Structures are given as structure tokens and as C-alpha cells.
Amino acid sequence: MESEKALIRGCQQGDRLSQRELYDRFAGQMLAISKRYSKSELEAEDILQESFIKIFRNISNFREESSLYFWIKRIVVNTALNSQRSKLYSFPMSDVYELPLHVGEKFTLADFHFEELLQMVRELPDGCQTIFNLFAIEGYTHRDIAGMLGISEGTSKSQYARARSLLQEKILKEKGVTYGSSE
């Protein structure tokens, strides 16, 4: 296994073995990120493939100011966002509502398998899915998200709130909890 600096140098020189090792080293993690922004396995694989094309085309621009992992991750996230940008929908804040819940027991995310949660996130409307991933998983602020997507900060907040509400509904439905009054 090559050191990271040697691997980068090899990729910058167009060495196929170095490119293969870079791909093998990061593809699994980057596919997981791609899946969070896509509706299907095929779409996630397309995002991953397009990302690695960009990575290999631009590896000569990599400056060691950040880690290679974060540089690659940023390319994958940006590629995913570009593929989703035309699909984004806006939901006004009035669409976000609180459901009266009568729950006798508490649930945690640990009660679900990763694939179940991923599927629930994939079922969100595109805009909600993208913003949920950027805010809750990637850690961007609503201001950052607004700048990245060309939307207002309020739109980012409302879509995140809607995503949380929809996920809450899905989780409770999965556990067989009903909404409304208990009477």
C-alpha cells in the first residue's frame, strides 16, 4: 500500500496502478456518501463514477491544505448536488406542521438498521433529502447550504424541518405508532 503522498504523485502522473489504488481506497466510503444523495443504487453509482472522473482530471490541482479524504469527499458531495440541483423543490414554511403524537414508548435511531434509515432518507422529496444530508449528516450550516444551492436560508431551514417531520412520520409508521388523539 503506497503512502498517501506517493499515491497522489502517481495519480498526478497518470499512473494506472496508483489510480486503481486511490479508487479502491476511497470508493466504498464515497459510495456511501453518494447513496445519501440519490434515490437508487444505480444513481449513486453514477455519482461515484462521475466523481472519480473529476478526481482524476483534477488531482493535479490537489493541494495538501486539507486531507485527501476531505478533498475527494467534497468532489463527491458537489457532484451529487449538481445532479440533484434541477430536482430541488421548495416547500414553504407553512407546509411544515407538528403532528400530535401519542407515543407510549420512545424509539432511538439504534432501533433501526442503517439500510432502513438510508431507505427512509432516499424516500424524501429531492430537496428535503439533499438539505437533510447537507445539514444533519455533512454538518453544513443553513447559510452554507443556501449559498451552495442558490436558495434562501429560510428555504433551507423549512426544507430541513419538513425532512425531519417526514422522517419522524416514517419512523413512527414503521414502528406502528398512530397519529392524532388517543380518544
N, C-alpha and C. Protein backbone atom coordinates (compact mmCIF):
# COMPACT_ATOMS: atom_id res chain seq x y z
N MET A 1 0.85 -1.18 0.00
CA MET A 1 0.00 0.00 0.00
C MET A 1 0.89 1.24 0.00
N GLU A 2 0.70 2.09 -0.97
CA GLU A 2 1.51 3.29 -1.11
C GLU A 2 1.16 4.31 -0.03
N SER A 3 2.12 5.17 0.31
CA SER A 3 1.80 6.28 1.20
C SER A 3 0.90 7.24 0.43
N GLU A 4 0.18 8.06 1.17
CA GLU A 4 -0.77 8.97 0.52
C GLU A 4 -0.07 9.92 -0.45
N LYS A 5 1.10 10.44 -0.06
CA LYS A 5 1.82 11.38 -0.93
C LYS A 5 2.28 10.68 -2.21
N ALA A 6 2.78 9.46 -2.08
CA ALA A 6 3.21 8.71 -3.27
C ALA A 6 2.02 8.38 -4.15
N LEU A 7 0.90 8.07 -3.53
CA LEU A 7 -0.32 7.76 -4.27
C LEU A 7 -0.79 8.97 -5.06
N ILE A 8 -0.78 10.13 -4.43
CA ILE A 8 -1.18 11.37 -5.10
C ILE A 8 -0.24 11.66 -6.27
N ARG A 9 1.07 11.54 -6.00
CA ARG A 9 2.06 11.78 -7.06
C ARG A 9 1.84 10.84 -8.24
N GLY A 10 1.59 9.56 -7.94
CA GLY A 10 1.35 8.59 -9.01
C GLY A 10 0.12 8.95 -9.82
N CYS A 11 -0.95 9.36 -9.14
CA CYS A 11 -2.18 9.76 -9.85
C CYS A 11 -1.94 11.01 -10.69
N GLN A 12 -1.16 11.94 -10.16
CA GLN A 12 -0.87 13.17 -10.90
C GLN A 12 -0.08 12.88 -12.17
N GLN A 13 0.70 11.79 -12.14
CA GLN A 13 1.49 11.39 -13.31
C GLN A 13 0.73 10.44 -14.23
N GLY A 14 -0.54 10.15 -13.89
CA GLY A 14 -1.37 9.31 -14.73
C GLY A 14 -1.11 7.82 -14.58
N ASP A 15 -0.44 7.42 -13.50
CA ASP A 15 -0.14 6.00 -13.27
C ASP A 15 -1.42 5.23 -12.95
N ARG A 16 -1.74 4.24 -13.80
CA ARG A 16 -2.99 3.47 -13.65
C ARG A 16 -3.05 2.69 -12.34
N LEU A 17 -1.94 2.14 -11.88
CA LEU A 17 -1.94 1.40 -10.62
C LEU A 17 -2.24 2.32 -9.44
N SER A 18 -1.69 3.51 -9.46
CA SER A 18 -1.98 4.49 -8.40
C SER A 18 -3.44 4.91 -8.45
N GLN A 19 -3.95 5.12 -9.65
CA GLN A 19 -5.37 5.48 -9.78
C GLN A 19 -6.26 4.36 -9.25
N ARG A 20 -5.89 3.13 -9.56
CA ARG A 20 -6.67 1.98 -9.09
C ARG A 20 -6.64 1.90 -7.56
N GLU A 21 -5.46 2.12 -7.00
CA GLU A 21 -5.35 2.07 -5.54
C GLU A 21 -6.15 3.20 -4.88
N LEU A 22 -6.10 4.39 -5.46
CA LEU A 22 -6.88 5.51 -4.92
C LEU A 22 -8.36 5.17 -4.96
N TYR A 23 -8.80 4.63 -6.08
CA TYR A 23 -10.21 4.24 -6.21
C TYR A 23 -10.56 3.18 -5.17
N ASP A 24 -9.75 2.15 -5.08
CA ASP A 24 -10.03 1.06 -4.13
C ASP A 24 -10.04 1.57 -2.69
N ARG A 25 -9.18 2.51 -2.39
CA ARG A 25 -9.07 3.03 -1.03
C ARG A 25 -10.29 3.86 -0.62
N PHE A 26 -10.88 4.60 -1.57
CA PHE A 26 -11.93 5.56 -1.21
C PHE A 26 -13.32 5.24 -1.76
N ALA A 27 -13.43 4.35 -2.72
CA ALA A 27 -14.72 4.13 -3.39
C ALA A 27 -15.83 3.70 -2.44
N GLY A 28 -15.55 2.83 -1.51
CA GLY A 28 -16.59 2.35 -0.59
C GLY A 28 -17.19 3.47 0.24
N GLN A 29 -16.33 4.29 0.82
CA GLN A 29 -16.80 5.41 1.64
C GLN A 29 -17.55 6.43 0.79
N MET A 30 -17.05 6.68 -0.41
CA MET A 30 -17.68 7.68 -1.27
C MET A 30 -19.00 7.17 -1.84
N LEU A 31 -19.12 5.87 -2.04
CA LEU A 31 -20.40 5.31 -2.49
C LEU A 31 -21.45 5.50 -1.39
N ALA A 32 -21.04 5.32 -0.14
CA ALA A 32 -21.98 5.53 0.97
C ALA A 32 -22.48 6.98 0.98
N ILE A 33 -21.59 7.92 0.71
CA ILE A 33 -21.99 9.33 0.64
C ILE A 33 -22.92 9.54 -0.55
N SER A 34 -22.57 8.97 -1.69
CA SER A 34 -23.41 9.10 -2.89
C SER A 34 -24.81 8.57 -2.66
N LYS A 35 -24.92 7.47 -1.93
CA LYS A 35 -26.23 6.87 -1.66
C LYS A 35 -27.13 7.81 -0.88
N ARG A 36 -26.54 8.62 -0.02
CA ARG A 36 -27.35 9.55 0.78
C ARG A 36 -27.99 10.63 -0.07
N TYR A 37 -27.44 10.88 -1.24
CA TYR A 37 -27.96 11.94 -2.11
C TYR A 37 -28.73 11.40 -3.30
N SER A 38 -28.93 10.11 -3.36
CA SER A 38 -29.57 9.53 -4.53
C SER A 38 -30.82 8.76 -4.15
N LYS A 39 -31.61 8.46 -5.16
CA LYS A 39 -32.84 7.71 -4.97
C LYS A 39 -32.65 6.22 -5.23
N SER A 40 -31.54 5.85 -5.84
CA SER A 40 -31.33 4.44 -6.18
C SER A 40 -29.85 4.10 -6.14
N GLU A 41 -29.58 2.82 -6.10
CA GLU A 41 -28.20 2.32 -6.14
C GLU A 41 -27.53 2.74 -7.45
N LEU A 42 -28.26 2.63 -8.55
CA LEU A 42 -27.72 2.98 -9.86
C LEU A 42 -27.34 4.46 -9.93
N GLU A 43 -28.21 5.31 -9.41
CA GLU A 43 -27.91 6.74 -9.40
C GLU A 43 -26.68 7.02 -8.53
N ALA A 44 -26.56 6.34 -7.39
CA ALA A 44 -25.40 6.52 -6.51
C ALA A 44 -24.12 6.10 -7.22
N GLU A 45 -24.19 5.01 -7.95
CA GLU A 45 -23.01 4.53 -8.70
C GLU A 45 -22.63 5.51 -9.81
N ASP A 46 -23.62 6.12 -10.45
CA ASP A 46 -23.34 7.14 -11.47
C ASP A 46 -22.64 8.34 -10.86
N ILE A 47 -23.13 8.77 -9.69
CA ILE A 47 -22.50 9.90 -9.00
C ILE A 47 -21.05 9.55 -8.65
N LEU A 48 -20.84 8.34 -8.16
CA LEU A 48 -19.49 7.90 -7.80
C LEU A 48 -18.58 7.89 -9.02
N GLN A 49 -19.06 7.34 -10.12
CA GLN A 49 -18.24 7.26 -11.33
C GLN A 49 -17.89 8.66 -11.84
N GLU A 50 -18.89 9.53 -11.90
CA GLU A 50 -18.64 10.90 -12.36
C GLU A 50 -17.67 11.61 -11.43
N SER A 51 -17.79 11.35 -10.13
CA SER A 51 -16.89 11.97 -9.15
C SER A 51 -15.45 11.54 -9.38
N PHE A 52 -15.23 10.25 -9.59
CA PHE A 52 -13.86 9.79 -9.78
C PHE A 52 -13.27 10.28 -11.10
N ILE A 53 -14.09 10.48 -12.11
CA ILE A 53 -13.59 11.10 -13.34
C ILE A 53 -13.08 12.51 -13.02
N LYS A 54 -13.87 13.26 -12.25
CA LYS A 54 -13.45 14.62 -11.85
C LYS A 54 -12.20 14.58 -10.98
N ILE A 55 -12.15 13.61 -10.07
CA ILE A 55 -11.00 13.49 -9.17
C ILE A 55 -9.73 13.27 -9.99
N PHE A 56 -9.76 12.34 -10.93
CA PHE A 56 -8.57 12.05 -11.72
C PHE A 56 -8.21 13.19 -12.66
N ARG A 57 -9.21 13.90 -13.17
CA ARG A 57 -8.93 15.06 -14.03
C ARG A 57 -8.31 16.21 -13.25
N ASN A 58 -8.69 16.32 -11.97
CA ASN A 58 -8.27 17.48 -11.18
C ASN A 58 -7.26 17.17 -10.09
N ILE A 59 -6.73 15.96 -10.04
CA ILE A 59 -5.79 15.60 -8.98
C ILE A 59 -4.55 16.48 -9.00
N SER A 60 -4.21 17.01 -10.17
CA SER A 60 -3.05 17.91 -10.24
C SER A 60 -3.31 19.22 -9.50
N ASN A 61 -4.58 19.55 -9.27
CA ASN A 61 -4.93 20.76 -8.53
C ASN A 61 -4.98 20.53 -7.02
N PHE A 62 -4.84 19.27 -6.58
CA PHE A 62 -4.91 18.98 -5.15
C PHE A 62 -3.73 19.60 -4.44
N ARG A 63 -4.04 20.40 -3.44
CA ARG A 63 -3.03 21.00 -2.58
C ARG A 63 -3.21 20.37 -1.21
N GLU A 64 -2.15 20.06 -0.57
CA GLU A 64 -2.23 19.34 0.69
C GLU A 64 -2.66 20.21 1.86
N GLU A 65 -3.49 21.22 1.57
CA GLU A 65 -4.01 22.08 2.63
C GLU A 65 -5.08 21.36 3.43
N SER A 66 -5.73 20.40 2.81
CA SER A 66 -6.70 19.56 3.51
C SER A 66 -6.31 18.11 3.23
N SER A 67 -6.98 17.19 3.91
CA SER A 67 -6.65 15.79 3.68
C SER A 67 -7.22 15.35 2.33
N LEU A 68 -6.63 14.33 1.78
CA LEU A 68 -7.10 13.78 0.52
C LEU A 68 -8.54 13.30 0.66
N TYR A 69 -8.85 12.68 1.79
CA TYR A 69 -10.22 12.20 2.04
C TYR A 69 -11.23 13.33 1.91
N PHE A 70 -10.97 14.46 2.58
CA PHE A 70 -11.93 15.56 2.55
C PHE A 70 -12.00 16.22 1.18
N TRP A 71 -10.90 16.26 0.45
CA TRP A 71 -10.91 16.79 -0.90
C TRP A 71 -11.78 15.92 -1.80
N ILE A 72 -11.60 14.61 -1.71
CA ILE A 72 -12.40 13.68 -2.51
C ILE A 72 -13.87 13.76 -2.09
N LYS A 73 -14.12 13.80 -0.79
CA LYS A 73 -15.49 13.87 -0.29
C LYS A 73 -16.19 15.12 -0.83
N ARG A 74 -15.49 16.23 -0.85
CA ARG A 74 -16.08 17.48 -1.35
C ARG A 74 -16.47 17.34 -2.82
N ILE A 75 -15.63 16.70 -3.60
CA ILE A 75 -15.95 16.48 -5.02
C ILE A 75 -17.19 15.60 -5.15
N VAL A 76 -17.28 14.55 -4.34
CA VAL A 76 -18.44 13.65 -4.40
C VAL A 76 -19.72 14.39 -4.01
N VAL A 77 -19.66 15.16 -2.93
CA VAL A 77 -20.84 15.91 -2.49
C VAL A 77 -21.25 16.92 -3.55
N ASN A 78 -20.29 17.66 -4.10
CA ASN A 78 -20.61 18.64 -5.14
C ASN A 78 -21.17 17.98 -6.39
N THR A 79 -20.65 16.83 -6.76
CA THR A 79 -21.17 16.10 -7.92
C THR A 79 -22.61 15.67 -7.65
N ALA A 80 -22.85 15.17 -6.45
CA ALA A 80 -24.21 14.76 -6.09
C ALA A 80 -25.16 15.95 -6.10
N LEU A 81 -24.70 17.08 -5.58
CA LEU A 81 -25.54 18.29 -5.56
C LEU A 81 -25.84 18.76 -6.98
N ASN A 82 -24.85 18.72 -7.84
CA ASN A 82 -25.08 19.14 -9.22
C ASN A 82 -26.09 18.24 -9.91
N SER A 83 -26.06 16.95 -9.59
CA SER A 83 -27.03 16.05 -10.22
C SER A 83 -28.43 16.25 -9.64
N GLN A 84 -28.51 16.75 -8.42
CA GLN A 84 -29.81 16.95 -7.78
C GLN A 84 -30.37 18.36 -7.99
N ARG A 85 -29.50 19.29 -8.34
CA ARG A 85 -29.89 20.71 -8.40
C ARG A 85 -31.17 20.95 -9.20
N SER A 86 -31.32 20.29 -10.31
CA SER A 86 -32.51 20.52 -11.14
C SER A 86 -33.76 19.87 -10.55
N LYS A 87 -33.57 18.99 -9.56
CA LYS A 87 -34.71 18.30 -8.98
C LYS A 87 -35.24 18.95 -7.70
N LEU A 88 -34.54 19.98 -7.22
CA LEU A 88 -34.91 20.57 -5.94
C LEU A 88 -36.29 21.21 -5.98
N TYR A 89 -37.05 20.99 -4.96
CA TYR A 89 -38.36 21.59 -4.81
C TYR A 89 -38.36 22.43 -3.56
N SER A 90 -39.11 23.51 -3.59
CA SER A 90 -39.22 24.36 -2.42
C SER A 90 -40.53 24.09 -1.72
N PHE A 91 -40.47 24.03 -0.42
CA PHE A 91 -41.67 23.87 0.39
C PHE A 91 -41.75 25.06 1.32
N PRO A 92 -42.81 25.86 1.22
CA PRO A 92 -42.93 27.00 2.12
C PRO A 92 -43.05 26.52 3.56
N MET A 93 -42.70 27.39 4.48
CA MET A 93 -42.71 27.04 5.89
C MET A 93 -44.09 26.59 6.35
N SER A 94 -45.14 27.07 5.71
CA SER A 94 -46.49 26.67 6.10
C SER A 94 -46.73 25.18 5.87
N ASP A 95 -45.91 24.54 5.05
CA ASP A 95 -46.05 23.11 4.83
C ASP A 95 -45.52 22.28 6.00
N VAL A 96 -44.76 22.92 6.86
CA VAL A 96 -44.19 22.21 7.99
C VAL A 96 -45.17 22.27 9.14
N TYR A 97 -45.53 21.12 9.65
CA TYR A 97 -46.52 21.08 10.71
C TYR A 97 -46.11 20.06 11.75
N GLU A 98 -46.63 20.24 12.93
CA GLU A 98 -46.37 19.31 14.02
C GLU A 98 -47.56 18.37 14.12
N LEU A 99 -47.30 17.12 14.20
CA LEU A 99 -48.36 16.15 14.37
C LEU A 99 -48.49 15.82 15.85
N PRO A 100 -49.72 15.82 16.37
CA PRO A 100 -49.87 15.41 17.76
C PRO A 100 -49.61 13.91 17.86
N LEU A 101 -48.63 13.55 18.62
CA LEU A 101 -48.27 12.15 18.75
C LEU A 101 -48.62 11.65 20.13
N HIS A 102 -49.13 10.47 20.17
CA HIS A 102 -49.40 9.82 21.44
C HIS A 102 -48.61 8.52 21.42
N VAL A 103 -47.42 8.63 21.92
CA VAL A 103 -46.50 7.51 21.85
C VAL A 103 -46.25 7.00 23.26
N GLY A 104 -46.47 5.73 23.46
CA GLY A 104 -46.25 5.15 24.77
C GLY A 104 -44.81 4.77 25.01
N GLU A 105 -44.04 4.56 23.94
CA GLU A 105 -42.65 4.19 24.11
C GLU A 105 -41.77 5.07 23.25
N LYS A 106 -40.53 5.18 23.62
CA LYS A 106 -39.57 6.00 22.90
C LYS A 106 -38.77 5.12 21.94
N PHE A 107 -38.40 5.69 20.80
CA PHE A 107 -37.59 4.98 19.83
C PHE A 107 -36.31 5.77 19.62
N THR A 108 -35.23 5.08 19.34
CA THR A 108 -33.98 5.73 19.00
C THR A 108 -33.55 5.23 17.64
N LEU A 109 -32.60 5.93 17.05
CA LEU A 109 -32.11 5.51 15.74
C LEU A 109 -31.44 4.15 15.82
N ALA A 110 -30.97 3.78 17.01
CA ALA A 110 -30.33 2.47 17.18
C ALA A 110 -31.33 1.33 16.98
N ASP A 111 -32.63 1.64 17.03
CA ASP A 111 -33.65 0.62 16.81
C ASP A 111 -33.77 0.23 15.33
N PHE A 112 -33.08 0.94 14.46
CA PHE A 112 -33.16 0.70 13.02
C PHE A 112 -31.80 0.30 12.48
N HIS A 113 -31.82 -0.50 11.43
CA HIS A 113 -30.59 -0.82 10.71
C HIS A 113 -30.25 0.36 9.80
N PHE A 114 -28.97 0.50 9.50
CA PHE A 114 -28.51 1.59 8.64
C PHE A 114 -29.27 1.61 7.31
N GLU A 115 -29.45 0.45 6.70
CA GLU A 115 -30.13 0.39 5.40
C GLU A 115 -31.58 0.85 5.50
N GLU A 116 -32.25 0.58 6.63
CA GLU A 116 -33.63 1.05 6.81
C GLU A 116 -33.66 2.58 6.85
N LEU A 117 -32.73 3.16 7.61
CA LEU A 117 -32.68 4.62 7.71
C LEU A 117 -32.31 5.25 6.37
N LEU A 118 -31.34 4.65 5.69
CA LEU A 118 -30.95 5.17 4.38
C LEU A 118 -32.13 5.15 3.42
N GLN A 119 -32.90 4.08 3.43
CA GLN A 119 -34.06 3.99 2.55
C GLN A 119 -35.09 5.07 2.89
N MET A 120 -35.29 5.34 4.17
CA MET A 120 -36.23 6.39 4.58
C MET A 120 -35.76 7.75 4.07
N VAL A 121 -34.46 8.02 4.16
CA VAL A 121 -33.92 9.29 3.66
C VAL A 121 -34.06 9.35 2.14
N ARG A 122 -33.83 8.24 1.46
CA ARG A 122 -33.97 8.20 -0.01
C ARG A 122 -35.39 8.48 -0.46
N GLU A 123 -36.37 8.15 0.38
CA GLU A 123 -37.78 8.35 0.01
C GLU A 123 -38.25 9.79 0.22
N LEU A 124 -37.41 10.63 0.81
CA LEU A 124 -37.78 12.04 0.97
C LEU A 124 -37.83 12.71 -0.39
N PRO A 125 -38.63 13.77 -0.52
CA PRO A 125 -38.57 14.57 -1.76
C PRO A 125 -37.14 15.06 -1.97
N ASP A 126 -36.74 15.24 -3.22
CA ASP A 126 -35.35 15.55 -3.54
C ASP A 126 -34.77 16.71 -2.74
N GLY A 127 -35.47 17.84 -2.69
CA GLY A 127 -34.96 18.99 -1.96
C GLY A 127 -34.77 18.70 -0.49
N CYS A 128 -35.74 18.05 0.11
CA CYS A 128 -35.65 17.69 1.53
C CYS A 128 -34.48 16.73 1.76
N GLN A 129 -34.34 15.76 0.88
CA GLN A 129 -33.27 14.78 1.01
C GLN A 129 -31.90 15.46 0.95
N THR A 130 -31.72 16.31 -0.02
CA THR A 130 -30.44 16.98 -0.19
C THR A 130 -30.11 17.85 1.01
N ILE A 131 -31.06 18.65 1.45
CA ILE A 131 -30.81 19.55 2.57
C ILE A 131 -30.63 18.78 3.86
N PHE A 132 -31.39 17.71 4.07
CA PHE A 132 -31.20 16.89 5.26
C PHE A 132 -29.78 16.34 5.30
N ASN A 133 -29.31 15.82 4.18
CA ASN A 133 -27.94 15.28 4.12
C ASN A 133 -26.90 16.35 4.40
N LEU A 134 -27.05 17.50 3.76
CA LEU A 134 -26.06 18.56 3.94
C LEU A 134 -26.02 19.07 5.38
N PHE A 135 -27.19 19.24 5.99
CA PHE A 135 -27.25 19.81 7.33
C PHE A 135 -26.98 18.75 8.41
N ALA A 136 -27.76 17.68 8.41
CA ALA A 136 -27.70 16.71 9.51
C ALA A 136 -26.51 15.76 9.41
N ILE A 137 -26.09 15.45 8.21
CA ILE A 137 -25.03 14.45 8.06
C ILE A 137 -23.68 15.09 7.74
N GLU A 138 -23.66 16.03 6.80
CA GLU A 138 -22.40 16.65 6.41
C GLU A 138 -22.00 17.80 7.34
N GLY A 139 -22.97 18.37 8.06
CA GLY A 139 -22.65 19.41 9.04
C GLY A 139 -22.57 20.83 8.51
N TYR A 140 -23.09 21.07 7.32
CA TYR A 140 -23.10 22.44 6.79
C TYR A 140 -24.15 23.27 7.52
N THR A 141 -23.95 24.59 7.57
CA THR A 141 -24.95 25.48 8.15
C THR A 141 -26.00 25.79 7.09
N HIS A 142 -27.13 26.32 7.54
CA HIS A 142 -28.18 26.68 6.57
C HIS A 142 -27.68 27.80 5.65
N ARG A 143 -26.85 28.67 6.16
CA ARG A 143 -26.28 29.74 5.33
C ARG A 143 -25.40 29.13 4.23
N ASP A 144 -24.55 28.17 4.61
CA ASP A 144 -23.70 27.49 3.63
C ASP A 144 -24.55 26.79 2.57
N ILE A 145 -25.58 26.08 3.03
CA ILE A 145 -26.46 25.34 2.12
C ILE A 145 -27.15 26.29 1.15
N ALA A 146 -27.62 27.41 1.67
CA ALA A 146 -28.28 28.40 0.82
C ALA A 146 -27.34 28.86 -0.29
N GLY A 147 -26.09 29.13 0.06
CA GLY A 147 -25.11 29.56 -0.93
C GLY A 147 -24.79 28.48 -1.94
N MET A 148 -24.69 27.24 -1.48
CA MET A 148 -24.35 26.12 -2.37
C MET A 148 -25.46 25.86 -3.38
N LEU A 149 -26.71 25.99 -2.93
CA LEU A 149 -27.85 25.61 -3.77
C LEU A 149 -28.55 26.79 -4.43
N GLY A 150 -28.14 28.00 -4.09
CA GLY A 150 -28.78 29.18 -4.67
C GLY A 150 -30.21 29.37 -4.19
N ILE A 151 -30.44 29.09 -2.91
CA ILE A 151 -31.76 29.26 -2.30
C ILE A 151 -31.61 30.16 -1.09
N SER A 152 -32.72 30.55 -0.49
CA SER A 152 -32.63 31.38 0.71
C SER A 152 -32.35 30.51 1.93
N GLU A 153 -31.83 31.13 2.96
CA GLU A 153 -31.58 30.42 4.21
C GLU A 153 -32.89 29.89 4.80
N GLY A 154 -33.96 30.67 4.66
CA GLY A 154 -35.27 30.24 5.14
C GLY A 154 -35.78 29.00 4.42
N THR A 155 -35.52 28.92 3.12
CA THR A 155 -35.92 27.74 2.36
C THR A 155 -35.16 26.52 2.85
N SER A 156 -33.87 26.69 3.12
CA SER A 156 -33.08 25.59 3.65
C SER A 156 -33.64 25.11 4.98
N LYS A 157 -33.95 26.05 5.85
CA LYS A 157 -34.50 25.70 7.17
C LYS A 157 -35.86 25.02 7.05
N SER A 158 -36.71 25.53 6.17
CA SER A 158 -38.05 24.94 6.05
C SER A 158 -37.98 23.54 5.44
N GLN A 159 -37.09 23.34 4.47
CA GLN A 159 -36.98 22.01 3.88
C GLN A 159 -36.36 21.02 4.87
N TYR A 160 -35.44 21.50 5.70
CA TYR A 160 -34.88 20.62 6.73
C TYR A 160 -35.96 20.25 7.74
N ALA A 161 -36.76 21.23 8.14
CA ALA A 161 -37.85 20.95 9.09
C ALA A 161 -38.84 19.96 8.48
N ARG A 162 -39.13 20.14 7.22
CA ARG A 162 -40.05 19.21 6.54
C ARG A 162 -39.44 17.82 6.47
N ALA A 163 -38.15 17.73 6.17
CA ALA A 163 -37.48 16.43 6.12
C ALA A 163 -37.55 15.73 7.47
N ARG A 164 -37.29 16.47 8.53
CA ARG A 164 -37.37 15.88 9.88
C ARG A 164 -38.78 15.39 10.17
N SER A 165 -39.76 16.19 9.81
CA SER A 165 -41.15 15.81 10.04
C SER A 165 -41.51 14.55 9.26
N LEU A 166 -41.11 14.51 8.00
CA LEU A 166 -41.40 13.33 7.17
C LEU A 166 -40.68 12.09 7.68
N LEU A 167 -39.43 12.26 8.12
CA LEU A 167 -38.70 11.12 8.67
C LEU A 167 -39.34 10.64 9.97
N GLN A 168 -39.79 11.59 10.78
CA GLN A 168 -40.46 11.22 12.03
C GLN A 168 -41.71 10.39 11.71
N GLU A 169 -42.48 10.83 10.73
CA GLU A 169 -43.67 10.08 10.32
C GLU A 169 -43.29 8.67 9.87
N LYS A 170 -42.24 8.57 9.04
CA LYS A 170 -41.82 7.26 8.52
C LYS A 170 -41.36 6.34 9.65
N ILE A 171 -40.60 6.88 10.58
CA ILE A 171 -40.10 6.08 11.70
C ILE A 171 -41.26 5.59 12.56
N LEU A 172 -42.17 6.48 12.87
CA LEU A 172 -43.30 6.09 13.71
C LEU A 172 -44.22 5.11 12.99
N LYS A 173 -44.40 5.31 11.69
CA LYS A 173 -45.22 4.38 10.91
C LYS A 173 -44.57 3.00 10.90
N GLU A 174 -43.26 2.99 10.74
CA GLU A 174 -42.52 1.72 10.74
C GLU A 174 -42.70 0.97 12.06
N LYS A 175 -42.81 1.72 13.14
CA LYS A 175 -42.97 1.11 14.47
C LYS A 175 -44.44 0.91 14.84
N GLY A 176 -45.35 1.27 13.93
CA GLY A 176 -46.77 1.03 14.16
C GLY A 176 -47.43 2.01 15.10
N VAL A 177 -46.90 3.23 15.19
CA VAL A 177 -47.46 4.26 16.05
C VAL A 177 -48.45 5.08 15.25
N THR A 178 -49.59 5.40 15.83
CA THR A 178 -50.61 6.18 15.13
C THR A 178 -50.53 7.64 15.54
N TYR A 179 -51.09 8.48 14.69
CA TYR A 179 -51.12 9.92 14.92
C TYR A 179 -52.50 10.31 15.41
N GLY A 180 -52.56 11.51 15.98
CA GLY A 180 -53.86 12.05 16.36
C GLY A 180 -54.19 11.79 17.81
N SER A 181 -55.42 12.02 18.15
CA SER A 181 -55.83 11.89 19.54
C SER A 181 -55.92 10.43 19.93
N SER A 182 -55.77 10.20 21.22
CA SER A 182 -55.81 8.82 21.72
C SER A 182 -57.21 8.45 22.16
N GLU A 183 -58.16 9.31 21.94
CA GLU A 183 -59.54 9.05 22.37
C GLU A 183 -60.30 8.22 21.38
